[in-house]
Protein backbone atom coordinates (compact mmCIF):
# COMPACT_ATOMS: atom_id res chain seq x y z
CA UNK A 1 42.31 -99.65 -44.05
CA UNK A 2 45.82 -98.96 -45.31
CA UNK A 3 48.34 -100.05 -42.68
CA UNK A 4 50.77 -97.48 -41.37
CA UNK A 5 54.24 -98.69 -42.18
CA UNK A 6 57.47 -97.23 -40.89
CA UNK A 7 59.94 -97.64 -43.73
CA UNK A 8 63.38 -98.40 -42.31
CA UNK A 9 66.27 -96.12 -43.19
CA UNK A 10 68.07 -97.18 -46.34
CA UNK A 11 65.04 -98.71 -48.03
CA UNK A 12 64.35 -97.45 -51.56
CA UNK A 13 61.06 -96.61 -53.24
CA UNK A 14 60.31 -98.58 -56.40
CA UNK A 15 57.69 -97.20 -58.81
CA UNK A 16 56.14 -99.56 -61.33
CA UNK A 17 56.88 -98.45 -64.96
CA UNK A 18 53.19 -97.74 -65.63
CA UNK A 19 52.81 -95.89 -62.33
CA UNK A 20 50.24 -98.45 -61.10
CA UNK A 21 51.93 -98.88 -57.72
CA UNK A 22 54.91 -98.08 -55.54
CA UNK A 23 56.63 -100.29 -52.99
CA UNK A 24 59.52 -99.82 -50.55
CA UNK A 25 62.35 -102.34 -50.87
CA UNK A 26 65.14 -103.20 -48.44
CA UNK A 27 68.81 -102.71 -49.23
CA UNK A 28 70.18 -105.39 -51.51
CA UNK A 29 66.88 -106.02 -53.33
CA UNK A 30 67.43 -106.32 -57.08
CA UNK A 31 64.62 -105.96 -59.61
CA UNK A 32 64.78 -108.91 -62.02
CA UNK A 33 61.67 -108.28 -64.12
CA UNK A 34 58.77 -105.85 -64.33
CA UNK A 35 55.57 -105.45 -66.31
CA UNK A 36 52.43 -103.33 -66.28
CA UNK A 37 51.16 -104.95 -63.05
CA UNK A 38 54.06 -107.04 -61.71
CA UNK A 39 57.54 -106.69 -60.27
CA UNK A 40 59.91 -109.59 -59.62
CA UNK A 41 62.93 -109.22 -57.37
CA UNK A 42 65.73 -111.05 -55.63
CA UNK A 43 66.05 -110.16 -51.96
CA UNK A 44 69.34 -110.02 -50.07
CA UNK A 45 68.44 -113.21 -48.16
CA UNK A 46 68.48 -115.16 -51.46
CA UNK A 47 64.75 -115.53 -51.86
CA UNK A 48 62.89 -114.45 -54.94
CA UNK A 49 59.69 -112.48 -54.63
CA UNK A 50 57.02 -111.33 -57.03
CA UNK A 51 54.35 -108.72 -56.37
CA UNK A 52 51.31 -108.75 -58.66
CA UNK A 53 48.36 -106.39 -58.76
CA UNK A 54 45.40 -108.64 -59.61
CA UNK A 55 41.98 -107.48 -60.84
CA UNK A 56 40.06 -109.79 -58.53
CA UNK A 57 38.91 -109.41 -54.93
CA UNK A 58 40.98 -111.06 -52.21
CA UNK A 59 38.03 -112.06 -50.08
CA UNK A 60 37.80 -111.38 -46.37
CA UNK A 61 41.07 -112.00 -44.52
CA UNK A 62 40.61 -114.97 -42.20
CA UNK A 63 37.40 -116.18 -43.87
CA UNK A 64 37.72 -119.95 -44.37
CA UNK A 65 35.90 -119.81 -47.73
CA UNK A 66 38.22 -117.08 -49.04
CA UNK A 67 41.29 -118.99 -47.79
CA UNK A 68 40.10 -122.23 -49.43
CA UNK A 69 39.40 -120.41 -52.71
CA UNK A 70 42.92 -118.98 -52.59
CA UNK A 71 44.38 -122.45 -51.90
CA UNK A 72 42.46 -123.88 -54.87
CA UNK A 73 43.66 -121.05 -57.12
CA UNK A 74 47.29 -121.62 -56.10
CA UNK A 75 47.11 -125.40 -56.42
CA UNK A 76 45.40 -125.15 -59.82
CA UNK A 77 48.35 -123.03 -60.99
CA UNK A 78 50.94 -125.69 -60.09
CA UNK A 79 52.27 -128.14 -62.67
CA UNK A 80 50.42 -131.44 -62.41
CA UNK A 81 53.77 -133.22 -62.77
CA UNK A 82 55.39 -131.57 -59.75
CA UNK A 83 54.93 -132.95 -56.25
CA UNK A 84 53.12 -130.36 -54.11
CA UNK A 85 52.79 -130.49 -50.33
CA UNK A 86 50.78 -127.84 -48.49
CA UNK A 87 52.49 -126.88 -45.23
CA UNK A 88 49.99 -124.34 -43.91
CA UNK A 89 47.20 -121.95 -44.80
CA UNK A 90 45.47 -119.22 -42.88
CA UNK A 91 45.47 -115.51 -42.16
CA UNK A 92 48.36 -113.18 -41.44
CA UNK A 93 47.62 -110.20 -39.23
CA UNK A 94 50.95 -108.47 -38.64
CA UNK A 95 52.42 -106.34 -40.19
CA UNK A 96 49.84 -106.77 -42.97
CA UNK A 97 46.49 -108.55 -43.13
CA UNK A 98 46.52 -111.30 -45.75
CA UNK A 99 45.38 -114.80 -46.49
CA UNK A 100 48.33 -117.11 -47.08
CA UNK A 101 49.29 -120.53 -48.40
CA UNK A 102 52.67 -122.21 -47.78
CA UNK A 103 53.84 -125.03 -50.06
CA UNK A 104 56.83 -127.22 -50.74
CA UNK A 105 57.04 -127.98 -54.45
CA UNK A 106 59.36 -130.68 -55.80
CA UNK A 107 60.21 -130.31 -59.47
CA UNK A 108 59.47 -133.50 -61.38
CA UNK A 109 62.50 -133.14 -63.69
CA UNK A 110 65.31 -132.13 -61.33
CA UNK A 111 63.74 -133.50 -58.12
CA UNK A 112 64.63 -130.29 -56.30
CA UNK A 113 62.31 -128.96 -53.64
CA UNK A 114 61.62 -125.31 -53.03
CA UNK A 115 59.49 -123.43 -50.55
CA UNK A 116 56.71 -121.14 -51.74
CA UNK A 117 54.74 -118.61 -49.71
CA UNK A 118 51.72 -117.00 -51.37
CA UNK A 119 49.88 -114.01 -49.92
CA UNK A 120 46.62 -112.38 -50.97
CA UNK A 121 46.17 -108.85 -49.61
CA UNK A 122 42.93 -106.89 -50.14
CA UNK A 123 43.68 -103.59 -51.89
CA UNK A 124 40.25 -102.40 -53.06
CA UNK A 125 36.84 -104.04 -53.47
CA UNK A 126 37.93 -105.32 -56.90
CA UNK A 127 41.72 -105.53 -56.61
CA UNK A 128 44.20 -107.49 -54.54
CA UNK A 129 47.94 -107.55 -54.09
CA UNK A 130 49.24 -111.07 -54.59
CA UNK A 131 52.72 -112.01 -53.51
CA UNK A 132 54.87 -115.06 -54.10
CA UNK A 133 58.08 -115.62 -52.18
CA UNK A 134 60.18 -118.58 -53.24
CA UNK A 135 63.47 -120.14 -52.19
CA UNK A 136 65.15 -123.44 -51.38
CA UNK A 137 64.50 -123.31 -47.63
CA UNK A 138 61.59 -122.06 -45.58
CA UNK A 139 61.60 -118.37 -44.70
CA UNK A 140 62.42 -117.52 -41.11
CA UNK A 141 60.00 -115.48 -39.01
CA UNK A 142 62.32 -112.48 -39.41
CA UNK A 143 62.29 -112.90 -43.22
CA UNK A 144 58.49 -113.24 -43.22
CA UNK A 145 58.30 -110.05 -41.17
CA UNK A 146 60.49 -108.23 -43.71
CA UNK A 147 58.31 -109.55 -46.55
CA UNK A 148 55.25 -108.35 -44.65
CA UNK A 149 56.78 -104.87 -44.31
CA UNK A 150 57.48 -104.81 -48.05
CA UNK A 151 53.88 -105.79 -48.84
CA UNK A 152 52.43 -103.35 -46.33
CA UNK A 153 54.33 -100.56 -48.12
CA UNK A 154 52.67 -101.25 -51.50
CA UNK A 155 50.53 -98.29 -52.56
CA UNK A 156 48.26 -98.30 -55.59
CA UNK A 157 48.13 -95.01 -57.42
CA UNK A 158 44.95 -93.54 -58.81
């Protein structure tokens, strides 16, 4: 089921250039890149975020097999030269249902660490919304809640 989301006053509606999806963004969000199925942005808190519409099922939220498949997919996408530490994995339930993976990735060249939060949200039987939030420090619970509200506002168009 599509969650009911109350969009706070002042948030804007972003429509993907191909019309594939819309999403509500908080004040201060700046679009940095967009494509047929992706939008990248910088949020006011300094974190970067990317929303992708992926032609693959998300799996059941909370199902250990689906979570482990998501973890494997995320880890396989990391550079083998970077140092990767998984902080947590599991299921989000509020304000959006999603499987998630949290990582700290240390770049092998610059030796800088950054925090990554990946979410996989079921959209249809064959489509999922995948989200990456990235920044130098871990997101606070309030920032995760705002990210969840952003994701819950994503609507695929027919």
